[in-house]
Amino acid sequence: MRRTGFLTLATASLLFAPGPVAAAEPDAAVTVTAPAADSVPPAGGSLFVGWDNSTGQEVGMWLVRGEADRVVQFAAKLTDAPSGETATVLPDVPEGAGYTIEIVARDGGEQGYSASFSVGQEPQGAAGPAAPAAF
């Protein structure tokens, strides 16, 4: 048997891959399409949320920080349609990174998370009435 001194491109890519090759995951039953990764909505400001839902169930919506530390529930019953969107107001939460939106099917069996985003400063004028000026 004669050996050749070259590799095919497919074989070479397997040998020099930068890490383990992951198998493609099947489509998730719930996916969150908005907010965008690395966005910075302000506390007290509006946040647009979009999702796809193939469960056929109503979904709930949570603000999450960190590894699934639920901060506040925005909605317990949203549509059971194949896709949905809503605008909500972020509560007064600490500024910083690591927030996501969790959309979860009514039975709790399927959930999806948005890309990570940060919460920034409140918009000007949203902090309430200004203090009276001293004369």
N, C-alpha and C. Protein backbone atom coordinates (compact mmCIF):
# COMPACT_ATOMS: atom_id res chain seq x y z
N MET A 1 0.85 -1.18 0.00
CA MET A 1 0.00 0.00 0.00
C MET A 1 0.89 1.23 0.00
N ARG A 2 0.57 2.17 -0.84
CA ARG A 2 1.38 3.37 -0.99
C ARG A 2 0.76 4.51 -0.20
N ARG A 3 1.56 5.24 0.54
CA ARG A 3 1.08 6.39 1.32
C ARG A 3 1.40 7.67 0.56
N THR A 4 0.49 8.61 0.66
CA THR A 4 0.73 9.91 0.03
C THR A 4 1.15 10.89 1.11
N GLY A 5 1.80 11.94 0.73
CA GLY A 5 2.31 12.90 1.70
C GLY A 5 1.46 14.15 1.84
N PHE A 6 0.15 14.06 1.62
CA PHE A 6 -0.69 15.24 1.78
C PHE A 6 -2.00 14.85 2.46
N LEU A 7 -2.64 15.84 3.01
CA LEU A 7 -3.94 15.66 3.66
C LEU A 7 -5.00 16.36 2.83
N THR A 8 -6.19 15.85 2.87
CA THR A 8 -7.28 16.57 2.23
C THR A 8 -7.63 17.77 3.09
N LEU A 9 -8.28 18.75 2.52
CA LEU A 9 -8.67 19.92 3.30
C LEU A 9 -9.58 19.54 4.45
N ALA A 10 -10.49 18.62 4.24
CA ALA A 10 -11.40 18.21 5.31
C ALA A 10 -10.63 17.58 6.46
N THR A 11 -9.65 16.74 6.16
CA THR A 11 -8.86 16.10 7.21
C THR A 11 -7.99 17.13 7.91
N ALA A 12 -7.38 18.03 7.16
CA ALA A 12 -6.52 19.05 7.76
C ALA A 12 -7.32 19.94 8.70
N SER A 13 -8.54 20.30 8.33
CA SER A 13 -9.34 21.17 9.20
C SER A 13 -9.70 20.47 10.50
N LEU A 14 -9.87 19.18 10.50
CA LEU A 14 -10.13 18.45 11.73
C LEU A 14 -8.91 18.41 12.63
N LEU A 15 -7.74 18.30 12.03
CA LEU A 15 -6.52 18.25 12.83
C LEU A 15 -6.15 19.58 13.44
N PHE A 16 -6.47 20.66 12.75
CA PHE A 16 -6.05 21.98 13.20
C PHE A 16 -7.20 22.84 13.69
N ALA A 17 -8.31 22.25 14.03
CA ALA A 17 -9.45 23.00 14.55
C ALA A 17 -9.08 23.60 15.90
N PRO A 18 -9.53 24.84 16.20
CA PRO A 18 -9.14 25.52 17.43
C PRO A 18 -9.78 24.95 18.69
N GLY A 19 -10.63 24.00 18.61
CA GLY A 19 -11.28 23.43 19.78
C GLY A 19 -12.16 22.29 19.36
N PRO A 20 -12.93 21.73 20.30
CA PRO A 20 -13.81 20.63 19.91
C PRO A 20 -14.87 21.10 18.93
N VAL A 21 -15.21 20.24 18.03
CA VAL A 21 -16.24 20.56 17.05
C VAL A 21 -17.57 20.13 17.64
N ALA A 22 -18.48 21.10 17.78
CA ALA A 22 -19.78 20.81 18.38
C ALA A 22 -20.76 20.41 17.30
N ALA A 23 -21.62 19.47 17.63
CA ALA A 23 -22.66 19.07 16.70
C ALA A 23 -23.72 20.16 16.66
N ALA A 24 -24.36 20.32 15.54
CA ALA A 24 -25.42 21.32 15.44
C ALA A 24 -26.57 20.93 16.35
N GLU A 25 -27.05 21.90 17.11
CA GLU A 25 -28.17 21.64 18.02
C GLU A 25 -29.47 21.79 17.25
N PRO A 26 -30.47 21.00 17.61
CA PRO A 26 -31.77 21.16 16.95
C PRO A 26 -32.36 22.51 17.31
N ASP A 27 -33.27 22.99 16.49
CA ASP A 27 -33.91 24.28 16.75
C ASP A 27 -34.60 24.26 18.10
N ALA A 28 -34.39 25.32 18.86
CA ALA A 28 -35.02 25.43 20.17
C ALA A 28 -36.50 25.74 20.00
N ALA A 29 -37.31 25.31 20.94
CA ALA A 29 -38.75 25.56 20.88
C ALA A 29 -39.07 27.01 21.20
N VAL A 30 -38.22 27.68 21.99
CA VAL A 30 -38.40 29.09 22.33
C VAL A 30 -37.07 29.79 22.10
N THR A 31 -37.07 30.80 21.28
CA THR A 31 -35.87 31.60 21.07
C THR A 31 -36.22 33.07 21.25
N VAL A 32 -35.30 33.82 21.84
CA VAL A 32 -35.50 35.25 22.06
C VAL A 32 -34.68 36.00 21.02
N THR A 33 -35.34 36.83 20.23
CA THR A 33 -34.70 37.51 19.11
C THR A 33 -34.31 38.95 19.41
N ALA A 34 -34.81 39.53 20.47
CA ALA A 34 -34.47 40.90 20.88
C ALA A 34 -34.68 40.98 22.38
N PRO A 35 -33.87 41.72 23.09
CA PRO A 35 -32.98 42.79 22.68
C PRO A 35 -31.68 42.28 22.08
N ALA A 36 -30.99 43.18 21.40
CA ALA A 36 -29.74 42.85 20.72
C ALA A 36 -28.61 42.65 21.73
N ALA A 37 -27.65 41.84 21.35
CA ALA A 37 -26.47 41.61 22.18
C ALA A 37 -25.76 42.95 22.42
N ASP A 38 -25.27 43.11 23.63
CA ASP A 38 -24.49 44.28 24.04
C ASP A 38 -25.26 45.59 23.98
N SER A 39 -26.60 45.56 23.91
CA SER A 39 -27.36 46.80 23.97
C SER A 39 -27.32 47.32 25.41
N VAL A 40 -27.63 48.61 25.59
CA VAL A 40 -27.57 49.22 26.92
C VAL A 40 -28.83 50.06 27.15
N PRO A 41 -29.95 49.41 27.44
CA PRO A 41 -31.15 50.19 27.76
C PRO A 41 -31.02 50.78 29.16
N PRO A 42 -31.63 51.92 29.42
CA PRO A 42 -31.54 52.52 30.75
C PRO A 42 -32.55 51.94 31.72
N ALA A 43 -32.20 51.90 33.00
CA ALA A 43 -33.18 51.54 34.03
C ALA A 43 -34.29 52.59 33.97
N GLY A 44 -35.53 52.16 34.02
CA GLY A 44 -36.65 53.08 33.90
C GLY A 44 -37.02 53.40 32.47
N GLY A 45 -36.25 52.88 31.51
CA GLY A 45 -36.51 53.13 30.09
C GLY A 45 -37.20 51.96 29.43
N SER A 46 -37.51 52.12 28.18
CA SER A 46 -38.20 51.09 27.41
C SER A 46 -37.24 50.02 26.92
N LEU A 47 -37.75 48.81 26.82
CA LEU A 47 -36.98 47.68 26.30
C LEU A 47 -37.89 46.92 25.35
N PHE A 48 -37.44 46.73 24.10
CA PHE A 48 -38.17 45.96 23.12
C PHE A 48 -37.73 44.50 23.21
N VAL A 49 -38.71 43.58 23.29
CA VAL A 49 -38.43 42.15 23.39
C VAL A 49 -39.17 41.44 22.26
N GLY A 50 -38.45 40.55 21.57
CA GLY A 50 -39.06 39.74 20.51
C GLY A 50 -38.71 38.28 20.73
N TRP A 51 -39.57 37.36 20.28
CA TRP A 51 -39.32 35.94 20.48
C TRP A 51 -40.04 35.11 19.43
N ASP A 52 -39.58 33.87 19.28
CA ASP A 52 -40.25 32.84 18.48
C ASP A 52 -40.62 31.71 19.42
N ASN A 53 -41.80 31.13 19.20
CA ASN A 53 -42.33 30.14 20.12
C ASN A 53 -43.03 29.03 19.34
N SER A 54 -42.44 27.86 19.30
CA SER A 54 -43.07 26.74 18.60
C SER A 54 -43.73 25.74 19.55
N THR A 55 -43.92 26.12 20.82
CA THR A 55 -44.52 25.21 21.80
C THR A 55 -46.03 25.14 21.70
N GLY A 56 -46.67 26.17 21.14
CA GLY A 56 -48.13 26.22 21.11
C GLY A 56 -48.72 26.65 22.43
N GLN A 57 -47.87 27.04 23.38
CA GLN A 57 -48.32 27.47 24.71
C GLN A 57 -48.10 28.97 24.89
N GLU A 58 -48.89 29.57 25.79
CA GLU A 58 -48.59 30.93 26.20
C GLU A 58 -47.22 30.94 26.87
N VAL A 59 -46.56 32.08 26.84
CA VAL A 59 -45.23 32.19 27.45
C VAL A 59 -45.23 33.30 28.48
N GLY A 60 -44.29 33.21 29.42
CA GLY A 60 -44.04 34.25 30.40
C GLY A 60 -42.70 34.91 30.10
N MET A 61 -42.48 36.08 30.68
CA MET A 61 -41.25 36.83 30.42
C MET A 61 -40.63 37.32 31.72
N TRP A 62 -39.32 37.07 31.88
CA TRP A 62 -38.57 37.44 33.07
C TRP A 62 -37.34 38.26 32.70
N LEU A 63 -36.95 39.16 33.59
CA LEU A 63 -35.63 39.78 33.53
C LEU A 63 -34.72 38.94 34.39
N VAL A 64 -33.58 38.53 33.84
CA VAL A 64 -32.66 37.62 34.52
C VAL A 64 -31.29 38.29 34.57
N ARG A 65 -30.57 38.05 35.65
CA ARG A 65 -29.19 38.53 35.74
C ARG A 65 -28.31 37.37 36.19
N GLY A 66 -27.19 37.19 35.52
CA GLY A 66 -26.26 36.13 35.88
C GLY A 66 -26.72 34.79 35.32
N GLU A 67 -26.47 33.74 36.07
CA GLU A 67 -26.73 32.37 35.63
C GLU A 67 -28.19 31.93 35.80
N ALA A 68 -29.14 32.75 35.61
CA ALA A 68 -30.57 32.44 35.73
C ALA A 68 -31.12 32.93 37.05
N ASP A 69 -30.58 34.02 37.58
CA ASP A 69 -31.10 34.65 38.79
C ASP A 69 -32.22 35.59 38.35
N ARG A 70 -33.46 35.11 38.45
CA ARG A 70 -34.60 35.91 38.02
C ARG A 70 -34.73 37.15 38.91
N VAL A 71 -34.83 38.31 38.25
CA VAL A 71 -34.91 39.59 38.97
C VAL A 71 -36.36 40.02 39.11
N VAL A 72 -37.10 40.02 38.01
CA VAL A 72 -38.50 40.46 38.03
C VAL A 72 -39.25 39.78 36.89
N GLN A 73 -40.52 39.47 37.15
CA GLN A 73 -41.37 38.90 36.10
C GLN A 73 -42.09 40.05 35.41
N PHE A 74 -41.92 40.14 34.10
CA PHE A 74 -42.60 41.17 33.32
C PHE A 74 -44.01 40.75 32.95
N ALA A 75 -44.20 39.48 32.64
CA ALA A 75 -45.52 39.00 32.21
C ALA A 75 -45.65 37.52 32.51
N ALA A 76 -46.83 37.13 32.98
CA ALA A 76 -47.09 35.72 33.25
C ALA A 76 -47.73 35.03 32.06
N LYS A 77 -48.52 35.76 31.28
CA LYS A 77 -49.22 35.17 30.14
C LYS A 77 -49.09 36.08 28.93
N LEU A 78 -48.24 35.66 28.01
CA LEU A 78 -48.15 36.32 26.72
C LEU A 78 -48.72 35.37 25.67
N THR A 79 -48.79 35.78 24.47
CA THR A 79 -49.41 35.02 23.39
C THR A 79 -48.83 33.62 23.19
N ASP A 80 -49.65 32.75 22.61
CA ASP A 80 -49.18 31.42 22.22
C ASP A 80 -48.86 31.37 20.72
N ALA A 81 -48.85 32.54 20.08
CA ALA A 81 -48.55 32.63 18.65
C ALA A 81 -47.11 32.19 18.37
N PRO A 82 -46.81 31.82 17.12
CA PRO A 82 -45.46 31.38 16.77
C PRO A 82 -44.38 32.44 16.97
N SER A 83 -44.76 33.71 16.99
CA SER A 83 -43.80 34.77 17.29
C SER A 83 -44.52 35.90 17.99
N GLY A 84 -43.76 36.66 18.74
CA GLY A 84 -44.36 37.77 19.46
C GLY A 84 -43.34 38.85 19.73
N GLU A 85 -43.85 40.00 20.09
CA GLU A 85 -43.00 41.11 20.45
C GLU A 85 -43.76 42.02 21.39
N THR A 86 -43.02 42.70 22.24
CA THR A 86 -43.62 43.63 23.17
C THR A 86 -42.58 44.65 23.59
N ALA A 87 -43.05 45.77 24.07
CA ALA A 87 -42.17 46.76 24.69
C ALA A 87 -42.54 46.78 26.17
N THR A 88 -41.53 46.85 27.01
CA THR A 88 -41.76 46.88 28.45
C THR A 88 -40.86 47.94 29.05
N VAL A 89 -41.10 48.29 30.29
CA VAL A 89 -40.27 49.27 30.99
C VAL A 89 -39.39 48.52 31.98
N LEU A 90 -38.09 48.77 31.88
CA LEU A 90 -37.17 48.16 32.84
C LEU A 90 -37.38 48.78 34.21
N PRO A 91 -37.42 47.98 35.25
CA PRO A 91 -37.55 48.53 36.60
C PRO A 91 -36.23 49.18 37.03
N ASP A 92 -36.24 49.79 38.17
CA ASP A 92 -35.04 50.41 38.73
C ASP A 92 -34.14 49.29 39.26
N VAL A 93 -33.26 48.80 38.43
CA VAL A 93 -32.33 47.72 38.79
C VAL A 93 -30.91 48.28 38.76
N PRO A 94 -29.97 47.62 39.44
CA PRO A 94 -28.59 48.10 39.42
C PRO A 94 -28.02 48.12 37.99
N GLU A 95 -27.26 49.18 37.71
CA GLU A 95 -26.58 49.26 36.41
C GLU A 95 -25.54 48.15 36.32
N GLY A 96 -25.26 47.74 35.11
CA GLY A 96 -24.22 46.75 34.91
C GLY A 96 -24.56 45.76 33.82
N ALA A 97 -23.63 44.84 33.61
CA ALA A 97 -23.75 43.85 32.55
C ALA A 97 -24.36 42.56 33.09
N GLY A 98 -24.61 41.63 32.17
CA GLY A 98 -25.05 40.30 32.55
C GLY A 98 -26.55 40.10 32.65
N TYR A 99 -27.34 41.01 32.09
CA TYR A 99 -28.80 40.85 32.08
C TYR A 99 -29.22 40.11 30.81
N THR A 100 -30.27 39.32 30.91
CA THR A 100 -30.90 38.68 29.76
C THR A 100 -32.40 38.69 29.98
N ILE A 101 -33.13 38.42 28.91
CA ILE A 101 -34.58 38.22 29.00
C ILE A 101 -34.83 36.73 28.83
N GLU A 102 -35.62 36.15 29.71
CA GLU A 102 -36.01 34.75 29.61
C GLU A 102 -37.46 34.70 29.17
N ILE A 103 -37.72 33.95 28.12
CA ILE A 103 -39.09 33.66 27.69
C ILE A 103 -39.30 32.17 27.99
N VAL A 104 -40.33 31.86 28.77
CA VAL A 104 -40.54 30.48 29.22
C VAL A 104 -41.97 30.03 28.88
N ALA A 105 -42.09 28.82 28.37
CA ALA A 105 -43.41 28.25 28.06
C ALA A 105 -44.20 28.09 29.35
N ARG A 106 -45.49 28.15 29.23
CA ARG A 106 -46.41 28.11 30.38
C ARG A 106 -46.15 26.92 31.29
N ASP A 107 -45.83 25.74 30.72
CA ASP A 107 -45.59 24.56 31.56
C ASP A 107 -44.18 24.53 32.14
N GLY A 108 -43.35 25.52 31.78
CA GLY A 108 -42.00 25.60 32.32
C GLY A 108 -41.00 24.66 31.66
N GLY A 109 -41.44 23.87 30.70
CA GLY A 109 -40.57 22.87 30.09
C GLY A 109 -39.61 23.42 29.06
N GLU A 110 -39.93 24.51 28.42
CA GLU A 110 -39.09 25.10 27.38
C GLU A 110 -38.86 26.56 27.71
N GLN A 111 -37.62 27.01 27.57
CA GLN A 111 -37.33 28.41 27.75
C GLN A 111 -36.21 28.83 26.81
N GLY A 112 -36.15 30.12 26.55
CA GLY A 112 -35.10 30.69 25.73
C GLY A 112 -34.62 31.97 26.37
N TYR A 113 -33.37 32.34 26.08
CA TYR A 113 -32.77 33.53 26.67
C TYR A 113 -32.28 34.45 25.57
N SER A 114 -32.37 35.74 25.81
CA SER A 114 -31.82 36.72 24.88
C SER A 114 -30.31 36.74 25.00
N ALA A 115 -29.70 37.45 24.10
CA ALA A 115 -28.27 37.73 24.23
C ALA A 115 -28.09 38.61 25.46
N SER A 116 -26.92 38.59 26.03
CA SER A 116 -26.62 39.39 27.22
C SER A 116 -26.60 40.88 26.87
N PHE A 117 -27.16 41.69 27.77
CA PHE A 117 -27.14 43.14 27.60
C PHE A 117 -26.84 43.80 28.94
N SER A 118 -26.56 45.08 28.91
CA SER A 118 -26.26 45.84 30.12
C SER A 118 -27.39 46.82 30.38
N VAL A 119 -27.55 47.21 31.63
CA VAL A 119 -28.50 48.25 31.99
C VAL A 119 -27.68 49.49 32.31
N GLY A 120 -28.06 50.61 31.68
CA GLY A 120 -27.32 51.86 31.85
C GLY A 120 -28.03 52.83 32.78
N GLN A 121 -27.70 54.10 32.64
CA GLN A 121 -28.27 55.14 33.49
C GLN A 121 -29.69 55.47 33.06
N GLU A 122 -30.47 56.00 34.00
CA GLU A 122 -31.81 56.45 33.68
C GLU A 122 -31.74 57.61 32.69
N PRO A 123 -32.73 57.72 31.81
CA PRO A 123 -32.74 58.86 30.90
C PRO A 123 -32.94 60.15 31.67
N GLN A 124 -32.45 61.26 31.14
CA GLN A 124 -32.60 62.55 31.78
C GLN A 124 -34.07 62.87 32.01
N GLY A 125 -34.39 63.38 33.18
CA GLY A 125 -35.77 63.76 33.48
C GLY A 125 -36.62 62.61 33.97
N ALA A 126 -36.12 61.40 34.03
CA ALA A 126 -36.92 60.26 34.45
C ALA A 126 -36.79 59.99 35.94
N ALA A 127 -35.94 60.71 36.63
CA ALA A 127 -35.70 60.42 38.04
C ALA A 127 -36.74 61.06 38.95
N GLY A 128 -37.71 61.78 38.38
CA GLY A 128 -38.73 62.39 39.22
C GLY A 128 -38.57 63.90 39.22
N PRO A 129 -39.37 64.60 40.05
CA PRO A 129 -39.31 66.06 40.04
C PRO A 129 -37.98 66.55 40.59
N ALA A 130 -37.53 67.66 40.04
CA ALA A 130 -36.29 68.26 40.49
C ALA A 130 -36.48 68.91 41.85
N ALA A 131 -35.42 68.96 42.62
CA ALA A 131 -35.48 69.63 43.94
C ALA A 131 -35.66 71.11 43.74
N PRO A 132 -36.42 71.77 44.65
CA PRO A 132 -36.62 73.21 44.51
C PRO A 132 -35.29 73.96 44.64
N ALA A 133 -35.15 74.99 43.87
CA ALA A 133 -33.92 75.77 43.91
C ALA A 133 -33.88 76.60 45.19
N ALA A 134 -32.71 76.73 45.78
CA ALA A 134 -32.52 77.53 46.98
C ALA A 134 -32.21 78.95 46.59
N PHE A 135 -32.88 79.92 47.22
CA PHE A 135 -32.65 81.35 46.91
C PHE A 135 -31.87 81.97 48.00
